[in-house]
């Protein structure tokens, strides 16, 4: 949780900078990057060193040696933990039916589905109705605000940091100790990172990987608010080849799976 609080704390002094420099507010959902110099330094640490020499070898080994059904089970488990969040957040945006679906999914998958490792509800045609607090805030017209590349953790925005902090107050997170939360975060990160192994070339071959990664992340977050795909901004996309839009769609589809 401290990583989110840190991001929020750092964001506040940047708001005045954004107001003084409105031209920087050109990203999806009103996202801005007034702290780009430090963000690029964090990106270099994360991408050029931590991911390349630590995380990427682990993820590739995980994909190569762990069977797909087991990997899917791990992803199902971490997502099942969030069903309580989806229940509350769907209510907040008036999606009562989706809220009920989240309760039903959690009940089925936590029991018959062996604590969520097996997505029994999905097999029954009951699809996940994901809704984070960050998306709720976006639907309430809150802009994404300052963008941060946090060392080790990765990308976030002021809106996402606030939303994730609130989501962390729900059951079952509220009853978890710090060790359990960190462990769950690490497992969830490994699972999500494994899903985009085939898309690593999208960033590796980009003229400016930092801008591409930022664009992908901001568009993904705004797509959840708009219930679809927002129009691409013109930062990273102008610096990639003609297939950039297709790469983006494929990259985001991998994350959503």
C-alpha atoms as a PDB file:
ATOM      1  CA  UNK A   1       0.000   0.000   0.000  1.00  0.00           C
ATOM      2  CA  UNK A   2       2.884   2.356   0.700  1.00  0.00           C
ATOM      3  CA  UNK A   3       3.758   2.415  -3.017  1.00  0.00           C
ATOM      4  CA  UNK A   4       0.321   3.864  -3.794  1.00  0.00           C
ATOM      5  CA  UNK A   5       0.505   6.402  -0.987  1.00  0.00           C
ATOM      6  CA  UNK A   6       3.932   7.436  -2.228  1.00  0.00           C
ATOM      7  CA  UNK A   7       2.586   7.979  -5.732  1.00  0.00           C
ATOM      8  CA  UNK A   8      -0.331  10.018  -4.408  1.00  0.00           C
ATOM      9  CA  UNK A   9       1.960  12.111  -2.194  1.00  0.00           C
ATOM     10  CA  UNK A  10       4.272  12.844  -5.110  1.00  0.00           C
ATOM     11  CA  UNK A  11       1.344  13.725  -7.333  1.00  0.00           C
ATOM     12  CA  UNK A  12      -0.015  16.665  -5.354  1.00  0.00           C
ATOM     13  CA  UNK A  13       2.862  19.114  -5.953  1.00  0.00           C
ATOM     14  CA  UNK A  14       2.694  18.273  -9.650  1.00  0.00           C
ATOM     15  CA  UNK A  15      -0.929  19.315 -10.016  1.00  0.00           C
ATOM     16  CA  UNK A  16      -0.028  22.989  -9.853  1.00  0.00           C
ATOM     17  CA  UNK A  17       2.667  22.366 -12.467  1.00  0.00           C
ATOM     18  CA  UNK A  18       0.104  20.810 -14.777  1.00  0.00           C
ATOM     19  CA  UNK A  19      -2.255  23.735 -14.364  1.00  0.00           C
ATOM     20  CA  UNK A  20       0.537  26.156 -15.143  1.00  0.00           C
ATOM     21  CA  UNK A  21       1.422  24.149 -18.240  1.00  0.00           C
ATOM     22  CA  UNK A  22      -1.941  23.060 -19.740  1.00  0.00           C
ATOM     23  CA  UNK A  23      -0.350  22.036 -23.025  1.00  0.00           C
ATOM     24  CA  UNK A  24       1.071  18.993 -21.247  1.00  0.00           C
ATOM     25  CA  UNK A  25      -2.449  17.658 -20.604  1.00  0.00           C
ATOM     26  CA  UNK A  26      -2.697  15.904 -23.956  1.00  0.00           C
ATOM     27  CA  UNK A  27      -2.807  12.251 -23.022  1.00  0.00           C
ATOM     28  CA  UNK A  28      -5.848   9.944 -22.813  1.00  0.00           C
ATOM     29  CA  UNK A  29      -8.228  10.934 -20.065  1.00  0.00           C
ATOM     30  CA  UNK A  30      -6.426  14.178 -19.332  1.00  0.00           C
ATOM     31  CA  UNK A  31      -3.185  12.404 -18.404  1.00  0.00           C
ATOM     32  CA  UNK A  32      -0.067  14.553 -18.092  1.00  0.00           C
ATOM     33  CA  UNK A  33       3.631  13.833 -17.656  1.00  0.00           C
ATOM     34  CA  UNK A  34       5.123  16.883 -15.926  1.00  0.00           C
ATOM     35  CA  UNK A  35       7.720  14.740 -14.170  1.00  0.00           C
ATOM     36  CA  UNK A  36       9.115  13.128 -17.310  1.00  0.00           C
ATOM     37  CA  UNK A  37      12.790  13.445 -16.420  1.00  0.00           C
ATOM     38  CA  UNK A  38      12.446  11.414 -13.250  1.00  0.00           C
ATOM     39  CA  UNK A  39       9.965   9.064 -14.905  1.00  0.00           C
ATOM     40  CA  UNK A  40      12.474   8.293 -17.640  1.00  0.00           C
ATOM     41  CA  UNK A  41      15.143   7.571 -15.026  1.00  0.00           C
ATOM     42  CA  UNK A  42      12.750   5.153 -13.289  1.00  0.00           C
ATOM     43  CA  UNK A  43      11.861   3.610 -16.657  1.00  0.00           C
ATOM     44  CA  UNK A  44      15.538   3.020 -17.415  1.00  0.00           C
ATOM     45  CA  UNK A  45      15.955   1.262 -14.068  1.00  0.00           C
ATOM     46  CA  UNK A  46      12.812  -0.829 -14.527  1.00  0.00           C
ATOM     47  CA  UNK A  47      13.133  -1.689 -18.221  1.00  0.00           C
ATOM     48  CA  UNK A  48      16.872  -1.745 -18.932  1.00  0.00           C
ATOM     49  CA  UNK A  49      17.939  -3.461 -15.723  1.00  0.00           C
ATOM     50  CA  UNK A  50      15.237  -4.964 -13.479  1.00  0.00           C
ATOM     51  CA  UNK A  51      13.089  -6.373 -16.278  1.00  0.00           C
ATOM     52  CA  UNK A  52      15.884  -7.384 -18.624  1.00  0.00           C
ATOM     53  CA  UNK A  53      18.190  -9.038 -16.106  1.00  0.00           C
ATOM     54  CA  UNK A  54      15.813 -10.155 -13.351  1.00  0.00           C
ATOM     55  CA  UNK A  55      12.117 -10.306 -14.216  1.00  0.00           C
ATOM     56  CA  UNK A  56      12.335 -11.340 -17.878  1.00  0.00           C
ATOM     57  CA  UNK A  57      14.441 -14.490 -17.267  1.00  0.00           C
ATOM     58  CA  UNK A  58      12.081 -15.514 -14.454  1.00  0.00           C
ATOM     59  CA  UNK A  59       8.989 -14.926 -16.588  1.00  0.00           C
ATOM     60  CA  UNK A  60      10.411 -16.804 -19.560  1.00  0.00           C
ATOM     61  CA  UNK A  61      11.265 -19.729 -17.295  1.00  0.00           C
ATOM     62  CA  UNK A  62       7.782 -19.588 -15.815  1.00  0.00           C
ATOM     63  CA  UNK A  63       6.177 -19.698 -19.272  1.00  0.00           C
ATOM     64  CA  UNK A  64       8.517 -22.437 -20.495  1.00  0.00           C
ATOM     65  CA  UNK A  65       8.234 -24.783 -17.516  1.00  0.00           C
ATOM     66  CA  UNK A  66       4.832 -24.157 -15.950  1.00  0.00           C
ATOM     67  CA  UNK A  67       1.919 -25.666 -17.935  1.00  0.00           C
ATOM     68  CA  UNK A  68      -0.651 -23.221 -19.287  1.00  0.00           C
ATOM     69  CA  UNK A  69      -3.539 -24.633 -17.172  1.00  0.00           C
ATOM     70  CA  UNK A  70      -1.497 -24.001 -14.025  1.00  0.00           C
ATOM     71  CA  UNK A  71      -0.626 -20.475 -15.146  1.00  0.00           C
ATOM     72  CA  UNK A  72      -4.277 -19.818 -15.908  1.00  0.00           C
ATOM     73  CA  UNK A  73      -5.179 -21.117 -12.456  1.00  0.00           C
ATOM     74  CA  UNK A  74      -2.789 -18.656 -10.816  1.00  0.00           C
ATOM     75  CA  UNK A  75      -4.336 -15.805 -12.792  1.00  0.00           C
ATOM     76  CA  UNK A  76      -7.824 -16.995 -11.850  1.00  0.00           C
ATOM     77  CA  UNK A  77      -6.888 -17.031  -8.175  1.00  0.00           C
ATOM     78  CA  UNK A  78      -5.566 -13.466  -8.114  1.00  0.00           C
ATOM     79  CA  UNK A  79      -8.572 -12.192 -10.059  1.00  0.00           C
ATOM     80  CA  UNK A  80     -10.976 -13.974  -7.730  1.00  0.00           C
ATOM     81  CA  UNK A  81      -9.588 -11.967  -4.826  1.00  0.00           C
ATOM     82  CA  UNK A  82     -10.776  -8.813  -6.604  1.00  0.00           C
ATOM     83  CA  UNK A  83     -14.404  -9.923  -7.006  1.00  0.00           C
ATOM     84  CA  UNK A  84     -15.328  -8.191  -3.724  1.00  0.00           C
ATOM     85  CA  UNK A  85     -13.961  -4.942  -5.182  1.00  0.00           C
ATOM     86  CA  UNK A  86     -15.978  -5.467  -8.347  1.00  0.00           C
ATOM     87  CA  UNK A  87     -19.111  -6.002  -6.257  1.00  0.00           C
ATOM     88  CA  UNK A  88     -18.787  -2.623  -4.508  1.00  0.00           C
ATOM     89  CA  UNK A  89     -17.483  -0.664  -7.483  1.00  0.00           C
ATOM     90  CA  UNK A  90     -20.186  -1.896  -9.844  1.00  0.00           C
ATOM     91  CA  UNK A  91     -22.774  -0.732  -7.325  1.00  0.00           C
ATOM     92  CA  UNK A  92     -21.162   2.700  -7.257  1.00  0.00           C
ATOM     93  CA  UNK A  93     -21.677   3.135 -11.007  1.00  0.00           C
ATOM     94  CA  UNK A  94     -25.224   1.779 -10.880  1.00  0.00           C
ATOM     95  CA  UNK A  95     -24.508  -1.617 -12.387  1.00  0.00           C
ATOM     96  CA  UNK A  96     -26.564  -3.637  -9.939  1.00  0.00           C
ATOM     97  CA  UNK A  97     -26.733  -6.728 -12.136  1.00  0.00           C
ATOM     98  CA  UNK A  98     -22.954  -6.735 -12.618  1.00  0.00           C
ATOM     99  CA  UNK A  99     -22.526  -6.364  -8.874  1.00  0.00           C
ATOM    100  CA  UNK A 100     -24.677  -9.429  -8.302  1.00  0.00           C
ATOM    101  CA  UNK A 101     -22.666 -11.337 -10.895  1.00  0.00           C
ATOM    102  CA  UNK A 102     -19.472 -10.535  -8.977  1.00  0.00           C
ATOM    103  CA  UNK A 103     -20.971 -11.964  -5.773  1.00  0.00           C
ATOM    104  CA  UNK A 104     -22.087 -15.111  -7.582  1.00  0.00           C
ATOM    105  CA  UNK A 105     -18.708 -15.562  -9.254  1.00  0.00           C
ATOM    106  CA  UNK A 106     -16.868 -15.169  -5.945  1.00  0.00           C
ATOM    107  CA  UNK A 107     -19.150 -17.694  -4.221  1.00  0.00           C
ATOM    108  CA  UNK A 108     -18.825 -20.286  -6.995  1.00  0.00           C
ATOM    109  CA  UNK A 109     -15.128 -19.929  -7.638  1.00  0.00           C
ATOM    110  CA  UNK A 110     -14.127 -19.750  -3.970  1.00  0.00           C
ATOM    111  CA  UNK A 111     -15.918 -23.029  -3.215  1.00  0.00           C
ATOM    112  CA  UNK A 112     -16.440 -25.270  -6.223  1.00  0.00           C
ATOM    113  CA  UNK A 113     -13.553 -23.559  -7.995  1.00  0.00           C
ATOM    114  CA  UNK A 114     -11.010 -24.386  -5.263  1.00  0.00           C
ATOM    115  CA  UNK A 115     -10.390 -20.863  -3.918  1.00  0.00           C
ATOM    116  CA  UNK A 116     -10.638 -19.441  -7.404  1.00  0.00           C
ATOM    117  CA  UNK A 117      -7.952 -21.474  -9.141  1.00  0.00           C
ATOM    118  CA  UNK A 118     -10.650 -22.889 -11.414  1.00  0.00           C
ATOM    119  CA  UNK A 119     -12.960 -20.335 -13.014  1.00  0.00           C
ATOM    120  CA  UNK A 120     -16.102 -22.458 -12.673  1.00  0.00           C
ATOM    121  CA  UNK A 121     -18.291 -19.403 -13.196  1.00  0.00           C
ATOM    122  CA  UNK A 122     -16.682 -18.687 -16.570  1.00  0.00           C
ATOM    123  CA  UNK A 123     -17.253 -22.284 -17.612  1.00  0.00           C
ATOM    124  CA  UNK A 124     -20.937 -21.765 -16.747  1.00  0.00           C
ATOM    125  CA  UNK A 125     -21.094 -18.667 -18.948  1.00  0.00           C
ATOM    126  CA  UNK A 126     -20.931 -16.192 -16.043  1.00  0.00           C
ATOM    127  CA  UNK A 127     -18.309 -13.738 -17.212  1.00  0.00           C
ATOM    128  CA  UNK A 128     -16.238 -11.467 -14.996  1.00  0.00           C
ATOM    129  CA  UNK A 129     -17.548  -7.901 -14.626  1.00  0.00           C
ATOM    130  CA  UNK A 130     -14.351  -6.112 -13.630  1.00  0.00           C
ATOM    131  CA  UNK A 131     -14.666  -2.614 -12.184  1.00  0.00           C
ATOM    132  CA  UNK A 132     -11.802  -0.956 -10.311  1.00  0.00           C
ATOM    133  CA  UNK A 133     -12.149   2.169  -8.176  1.00  0.00           C
ATOM    134  CA  UNK A 134      -9.863   3.932 -10.646  1.00  0.00           C
ATOM    135  CA  UNK A 135     -12.420   3.233 -13.374  1.00  0.00           C
ATOM    136  CA  UNK A 136     -15.220   4.427 -11.078  1.00  0.00           C
ATOM    137  CA  UNK A 137     -13.357   7.711 -10.555  1.00  0.00           C
ATOM    138  CA  UNK A 138     -12.856   8.025 -14.310  1.00  0.00           C
ATOM    139  CA  UNK A 139     -16.563   7.531 -14.937  1.00  0.00           C
ATOM    140  CA  UNK A 140     -17.134  10.293 -12.377  1.00  0.00           C
ATOM    141  CA  UNK A 141     -15.119  12.548 -14.754  1.00  0.00           C
ATOM    142  CA  UNK A 142     -11.912  12.542 -12.708  1.00  0.00           C
ATOM    143  CA  UNK A 143      -8.964  12.874 -15.085  1.00  0.00           C
ATOM    144  CA  UNK A 144      -6.004  10.518 -14.949  1.00  0.00           C
ATOM    145  CA  UNK A 145      -3.765  13.349 -13.846  1.00  0.00           C
ATOM    146  CA  UNK A 146       0.016  13.119 -13.434  1.00  0.00           C
ATOM    147  CA  UNK A 147       1.683   9.981 -14.760  1.00  0.00           C
ATOM    148  CA  UNK A 148       4.362   8.215 -12.720  1.00  0.00           C
ATOM    149  CA  UNK A 149       6.834   5.486 -13.517  1.00  0.00           C
ATOM    150  CA  UNK A 150       7.522   4.119 -10.039  1.00  0.00           C
ATOM    151  CA  UNK A 151      10.764   2.166  -9.478  1.00  0.00           C
ATOM    152  CA  UNK A 152      10.104  -1.604  -9.237  1.00  0.00           C
ATOM    153  CA  UNK A 153       6.318  -1.147  -9.236  1.00  0.00           C
ATOM    154  CA  UNK A 154       5.874   0.316 -12.716  1.00  0.00           C
ATOM    155  CA  UNK A 155       3.414   2.801 -14.267  1.00  0.00           C
ATOM    156  CA  UNK A 156       0.564   4.521 -12.479  1.00  0.00           C
ATOM    157  CA  UNK A 157      -1.321   7.813 -12.470  1.00  0.00           C
ATOM    158  CA  UNK A 158      -2.733   9.902  -9.667  1.00  0.00           C
ATOM    159  CA  UNK A 159      -6.225   8.534 -10.383  1.00  0.00           C
ATOM    160  CA  UNK A 160      -5.027   4.931 -10.434  1.00  0.00           C
ATOM    161  CA  UNK A 161      -2.989   5.367  -7.271  1.00  0.00           C
ATOM    162  CA  UNK A 162      -5.963   6.799  -5.401  1.00  0.00           C
ATOM    163  CA  UNK A 163      -8.289   4.122  -6.776  1.00  0.00           C
ATOM    164  CA  UNK A 164      -5.934   1.263  -5.906  1.00  0.00           C
ATOM    165  CA  UNK A 165      -5.506   2.637  -2.393  1.00  0.00           C
ATOM    166  CA  UNK A 166      -9.278   2.585  -1.885  1.00  0.00           C
ATOM    167  CA  UNK A 167      -9.567  -0.885  -3.428  1.00  0.00           C
ATOM    168  CA  UNK A 168      -6.988  -2.057  -0.904  1.00  0.00           C
ATOM    169  CA  UNK A 169      -9.402  -1.187   1.916  1.00  0.00           C
ATOM    170  CA  UNK A 170     -11.985  -3.765   0.788  1.00  0.00           C
ATOM    171  CA  UNK A 171     -12.359  -7.366   1.871  1.00  0.00           C
ATOM    172  CA  UNK A 172     -10.288  -9.546   1.653  1.00  0.00           C
ATOM    173  CA  UNK A 173      -7.382  -7.094   1.418  1.00  0.00           C
ATOM    174  CA  UNK A 174      -8.446  -5.414   4.671  1.00  0.00           C
ATOM    175  CA  UNK A 175      -7.827  -8.652   6.567  1.00  0.00           C
ATOM    176  CA  UNK A 176      -4.453  -9.393   4.943  1.00  0.00           C
ATOM    177  CA  UNK A 177      -1.088  -8.692   6.508  1.00  0.00           C
ATOM    178  CA  UNK A 178       1.623  -6.832   4.604  1.00  0.00           C
ATOM    179  CA  UNK A 179       3.465 -10.034   3.805  1.00  0.00           C
ATOM    180  CA  UNK A 180       0.368 -11.577   2.230  1.00  0.00           C
ATOM    181  CA  UNK A 181      -0.372  -8.438   0.233  1.00  0.00           C
ATOM    182  CA  UNK A 182       3.156  -8.221  -1.123  1.00  0.00           C
ATOM    183  CA  UNK A 183       3.126 -11.905  -1.997  1.00  0.00           C
ATOM    184  CA  UNK A 184      -0.204 -11.579  -3.796  1.00  0.00           C
ATOM    185  CA  UNK A 185       1.028  -8.492  -5.637  1.00  0.00           C
ATOM    186  CA  UNK A 186       4.173 -10.354  -6.756  1.00  0.00           C
ATOM    187  CA  UNK A 187       2.213 -13.396  -7.963  1.00  0.00           C
ATOM    188  CA  UNK A 188      -0.300 -11.194  -9.781  1.00  0.00           C
ATOM    189  CA  UNK A 189       2.523  -9.243 -11.407  1.00  0.00           C
ATOM    190  CA  UNK A 190       4.225 -12.431 -12.544  1.00  0.00           C
ATOM    191  CA  UNK A 191       0.961 -13.752 -13.998  1.00  0.00           C
ATOM    192  CA  UNK A 192       0.202 -10.551 -15.907  1.00  0.00           C
ATOM    193  CA  UNK A 193       3.776 -10.182 -17.133  1.00  0.00           C
ATOM    194  CA  UNK A 194       3.698 -13.747 -18.461  1.00  0.00           C
ATOM    195  CA  UNK A 195       0.654 -12.926 -20.596  1.00  0.00           C
ATOM    196  CA  UNK A 196       2.556 -10.359 -22.654  1.00  0.00           C
ATOM    197  CA  UNK A 197       5.749 -12.316 -23.301  1.00  0.00           C
ATOM    198  CA  UNK A 198       4.844 -12.602 -26.976  1.00  0.00           C
ATOM    199  CA  UNK A 199       4.409  -8.819 -27.153  1.00  0.00           C
ATOM    200  CA  UNK A 200       7.834  -7.886 -25.791  1.00  0.00           C
ATOM    201  CA  UNK A 201       8.995  -6.981 -29.294  1.00  0.00           C
ATOM    202  CA  UNK A 202       6.422  -4.164 -29.391  1.00  0.00           C
ATOM    203  CA  UNK A 203       8.461  -2.231 -26.840  1.00  0.00           C
ATOM    204  CA  UNK A 204      11.873  -3.643 -27.745  1.00  0.00           C
ATOM    205  CA  UNK A 205      11.500  -2.385 -31.327  1.00  0.00           C
ATOM    206  CA  UNK A 206       9.889   0.966 -30.495  1.00  0.00           C
ATOM    207  CA  UNK A 207      11.859   4.110 -31.309  1.00  0.00           C
ATOM    208  CA  UNK A 208      11.074   5.398 -27.827  1.00  0.00           C
ATOM    209  CA  UNK A 209      10.017   2.512 -25.523  1.00  0.00           C
ATOM    210  CA  UNK A 210       9.219   4.920 -22.699  1.00  0.00           C
ATOM    211  CA  UNK A 211       6.645   6.817 -24.764  1.00  0.00           C
ATOM    212  CA  UNK A 212       5.195   3.603 -26.168  1.00  0.00           C
ATOM    213  CA  UNK A 213       4.801   2.040 -22.737  1.00  0.00           C
ATOM    214  CA  UNK A 214       3.236   5.212 -21.377  1.00  0.00           C
ATOM    215  CA  UNK A 215       0.806   5.419 -24.289  1.00  0.00           C
ATOM    216  CA  UNK A 216      -0.188   1.768 -23.945  1.00  0.00           C
ATOM    217  CA  UNK A 217      -0.807   2.106 -20.226  1.00  0.00           C
ATOM    218  CA  UNK A 218      -2.786   5.353 -20.414  1.00  0.00           C
ATOM    219  CA  UNK A 219      -4.948   4.124 -23.286  1.00  0.00           C
ATOM    220  CA  UNK A 220      -5.617   0.861 -21.478  1.00  0.00           C
ATOM    221  CA  UNK A 221      -6.759   2.689 -18.334  1.00  0.00           C
ATOM    222  CA  UNK A 222      -8.949   5.070 -20.310  1.00  0.00           C
ATOM    223  CA  UNK A 223     -10.409   2.218 -22.360  1.00  0.00           C
ATOM    224  CA  UNK A 224     -11.836   0.760 -19.154  1.00  0.00           C
ATOM    225  CA  UNK A 225     -13.541   4.074 -18.407  1.00  0.00           C
ATOM    226  CA  UNK A 226     -14.970   4.356 -21.913  1.00  0.00           C
ATOM    227  CA  UNK A 227     -15.989   0.669 -22.071  1.00  0.00           C
ATOM    228  CA  UNK A 228     -13.972   0.292 -25.235  1.00  0.00           C
ATOM    229  CA  UNK A 229     -10.899   1.590 -27.036  1.00  0.00           C
ATOM    230  CA  UNK A 230     -10.188   5.328 -26.790  1.00  0.00           C
ATOM    231  CA  UNK A 231      -8.611   7.092 -29.724  1.00  0.00           C
ATOM    232  CA  UNK A 232      -4.837   6.815 -29.694  1.00  0.00           C
ATOM    233  CA  UNK A 233      -2.926   9.872 -28.557  1.00  0.00           C
ATOM    234  CA  UNK A 234      -0.131  11.216 -30.724  1.00  0.00           C
ATOM    235  CA  UNK A 235       2.946  10.746 -28.609  1.00  0.00           C
ATOM    236  CA  UNK A 236       4.269   7.221 -29.034  1.00  0.00           C
ATOM    237  CA  UNK A 237       2.040   6.313 -31.942  1.00  0.00           C
ATOM    238  CA  UNK A 238       3.569   8.916 -34.217  1.00  0.00           C
ATOM    239  CA  UNK A 239       6.997   7.437 -33.592  1.00  0.00           C
ATOM    240  CA  UNK A 240       6.117   3.826 -34.476  1.00  0.00           C
ATOM    241  CA  UNK A 241       5.460   2.090 -37.757  1.00  0.00           C
ATOM    242  CA  UNK A 242       2.119   1.719 -39.543  1.00  0.00           C
ATOM    243  CA  UNK A 243       1.279  -1.377 -37.497  1.00  0.00           C
ATOM    244  CA  UNK A 244       1.386   0.445 -34.168  1.00  0.00           C
ATOM    245  CA  UNK A 245      -2.368   0.562 -33.678  1.00  0.00           C
ATOM    246  CA  UNK A 246      -2.600  -3.158 -34.338  1.00  0.00           C
ATOM    247  CA  UNK A 247       0.261  -3.813 -31.927  1.00  0.00           C
ATOM    248  CA  UNK A 248      -1.518  -1.761 -29.285  1.00  0.00           C
ATOM    249  CA  UNK A 249      -4.780  -3.648 -29.667  1.00  0.00           C
ATOM    250  CA  UNK A 250      -2.979  -6.975 -29.474  1.00  0.00           C
ATOM    251  CA  UNK A 251      -0.935  -5.859 -26.464  1.00  0.00           C
ATOM    252  CA  UNK A 252      -4.036  -4.738 -24.587  1.00  0.00           C
ATOM    253  CA  UNK A 253      -5.946  -7.870 -25.535  1.00  0.00           C
ATOM    254  CA  UNK A 254      -3.189  -9.978 -23.990  1.00  0.00           C
ATOM    255  CA  UNK A 255      -3.480  -8.007 -20.732  1.00  0.00           C
ATOM    256  CA  UNK A 256      -7.251  -8.443 -20.655  1.00  0.00           C
ATOM    257  CA  UNK A 257      -7.127 -12.232 -21.035  1.00  0.00           C
END
